[in-house]
C-alpha atoms as a PDB file:
ATOM      1  CA  UNK A   1     -37.603  31.951 -46.767  1.00  0.00           C
ATOM      2  CA  UNK A   2     -35.409  30.466 -44.024  1.00  0.00           C
ATOM      3  CA  UNK A   3     -38.488  29.926 -41.851  1.00  0.00           C
ATOM      4  CA  UNK A   4     -40.265  28.062 -44.661  1.00  0.00           C
ATOM      5  CA  UNK A   5     -37.236  25.841 -45.271  1.00  0.00           C
ATOM      6  CA  UNK A   6     -36.945  25.109 -41.553  1.00  0.00           C
ATOM      7  CA  UNK A   7     -40.652  24.225 -41.271  1.00  0.00           C
ATOM      8  CA  UNK A   8     -40.431  22.026 -44.382  1.00  0.00           C
ATOM      9  CA  UNK A   9     -37.485  20.182 -42.851  1.00  0.00           C
ATOM     10  CA  UNK A  10     -39.456  19.664 -39.637  1.00  0.00           C
ATOM     11  CA  UNK A  11     -42.463  18.360 -41.560  1.00  0.00           C
ATOM     12  CA  UNK A  12     -40.282  15.967 -43.544  1.00  0.00           C
ATOM     13  CA  UNK A  13     -38.821  14.681 -40.269  1.00  0.00           C
ATOM     14  CA  UNK A  14     -42.283  14.163 -38.763  1.00  0.00           C
ATOM     15  CA  UNK A  15     -43.720  12.468 -41.860  1.00  0.00           C
ATOM     16  CA  UNK A  16     -40.740  10.249 -42.586  1.00  0.00           C
ATOM     17  CA  UNK A  17     -41.924   7.270 -40.451  1.00  0.00           C
ATOM     18  CA  UNK A  18     -45.086   7.071 -42.559  1.00  0.00           C
ATOM     19  CA  UNK A  19     -42.990   6.157 -45.595  1.00  0.00           C
ATOM     20  CA  UNK A  20     -42.618   2.657 -44.125  1.00  0.00           C
ATOM     21  CA  UNK A  21     -46.384   2.194 -44.178  1.00  0.00           C
ATOM     22  CA  UNK A  22     -46.320   1.071 -47.815  1.00  0.00           C
ATOM     23  CA  UNK A  23     -43.858  -1.700 -46.967  1.00  0.00           C
ATOM     24  CA  UNK A  24     -45.674  -2.840 -43.853  1.00  0.00           C
ATOM     25  CA  UNK A  25     -49.052  -2.798 -45.599  1.00  0.00           C
ATOM     26  CA  UNK A  26     -47.727  -5.349 -48.090  1.00  0.00           C
ATOM     27  CA  UNK A  27     -46.934  -7.743 -45.252  1.00  0.00           C
ATOM     28  CA  UNK A  28     -50.087  -7.317 -43.190  1.00  0.00           C
ATOM     29  CA  UNK A  29     -53.521  -5.882 -43.864  1.00  0.00           C
ATOM     30  CA  UNK A  30     -54.791  -2.802 -42.101  1.00  0.00           C
ATOM     31  CA  UNK A  31     -58.487  -2.113 -41.667  1.00  0.00           C
ATOM     32  CA  UNK A  32     -58.068   1.469 -40.485  1.00  0.00           C
ATOM     33  CA  UNK A  33     -59.210   3.689 -43.357  1.00  0.00           C
ATOM     34  CA  UNK A  34     -58.131   6.845 -41.522  1.00  0.00           C
ATOM     35  CA  UNK A  35     -54.563   5.550 -41.413  1.00  0.00           C
ATOM     36  CA  UNK A  36     -54.680   4.780 -45.139  1.00  0.00           C
ATOM     37  CA  UNK A  37     -56.011   8.264 -45.907  1.00  0.00           C
ATOM     38  CA  UNK A  38     -53.338   9.881 -43.743  1.00  0.00           C
ATOM     39  CA  UNK A  39     -50.632   7.832 -45.472  1.00  0.00           C
ATOM     40  CA  UNK A  40     -51.825   9.017 -48.881  1.00  0.00           C
ATOM     41  CA  UNK A  41     -51.952  12.618 -47.637  1.00  0.00           C
ATOM     42  CA  UNK A  42     -48.446  12.370 -46.127  1.00  0.00           C
ATOM     43  CA  UNK A  43     -47.100  10.824 -49.328  1.00  0.00           C
ATOM     44  CA  UNK A  44     -48.506  13.692 -51.392  1.00  0.00           C
ATOM     45  CA  UNK A  45     -47.308  16.295 -48.902  1.00  0.00           C
ATOM     46  CA  UNK A  46     -43.759  14.904 -48.883  1.00  0.00           C
ATOM     47  CA  UNK A  47     -43.632  15.294 -52.665  1.00  0.00           C
ATOM     48  CA  UNK A  48     -44.826  18.907 -52.449  1.00  0.00           C
ATOM     49  CA  UNK A  49     -42.553  20.081 -49.645  1.00  0.00           C
ATOM     50  CA  UNK A  50     -39.406  21.886 -50.782  1.00  0.00           C
ATOM     51  CA  UNK A  51     -36.315  19.740 -50.441  1.00  0.00           C
ATOM     52  CA  UNK A  52     -32.873  21.103 -49.706  1.00  0.00           C
ATOM     53  CA  UNK A  53     -30.154  18.657 -50.671  1.00  0.00           C
ATOM     54  CA  UNK A  54     -27.740  17.907 -47.868  1.00  0.00           C
ATOM     55  CA  UNK A  55     -24.082  18.502 -48.583  1.00  0.00           C
ATOM     56  CA  UNK A  56     -21.008  17.507 -46.667  1.00  0.00           C
ATOM     57  CA  UNK A  57     -19.252  20.120 -44.549  1.00  0.00           C
ATOM     58  CA  UNK A  58     -16.457  21.947 -46.360  1.00  0.00           C
ATOM     59  CA  UNK A  59     -13.794  20.419 -44.100  1.00  0.00           C
ATOM     60  CA  UNK A  60     -14.757  16.909 -45.159  1.00  0.00           C
ATOM     61  CA  UNK A  61     -14.961  17.836 -48.833  1.00  0.00           C
ATOM     62  CA  UNK A  62     -11.460  19.296 -48.660  1.00  0.00           C
ATOM     63  CA  UNK A  63     -10.137  16.118 -46.993  1.00  0.00           C
ATOM     64  CA  UNK A  64     -11.489  13.897 -49.793  1.00  0.00           C
ATOM     65  CA  UNK A  65      -9.312  13.949 -52.890  1.00  0.00           C
ATOM     66  CA  UNK A  66     -11.148  12.159 -55.705  1.00  0.00           C
ATOM     67  CA  UNK A  67      -8.312  12.764 -58.201  1.00  0.00           C
ATOM     68  CA  UNK A  68      -5.722  10.891 -56.176  1.00  0.00           C
ATOM     69  CA  UNK A  69      -5.374   7.201 -57.084  1.00  0.00           C
ATOM     70  CA  UNK A  70      -5.716   4.812 -54.167  1.00  0.00           C
END
């Protein structure tokens, strides 16, 4: 299971730049259909990959006191 989570994290890292494609394609037109197909595939794959929520290290959590008034 650790291997799968590690590979999913790597895939998310590699596919992350393609998330900006939707923004850029609104500004300028692309004529490359292969790029459009890959974007759609990457978008679907990112939704399907398992996601492990990042948490702060315990030392930082202990240093933050949310109950104390500022």
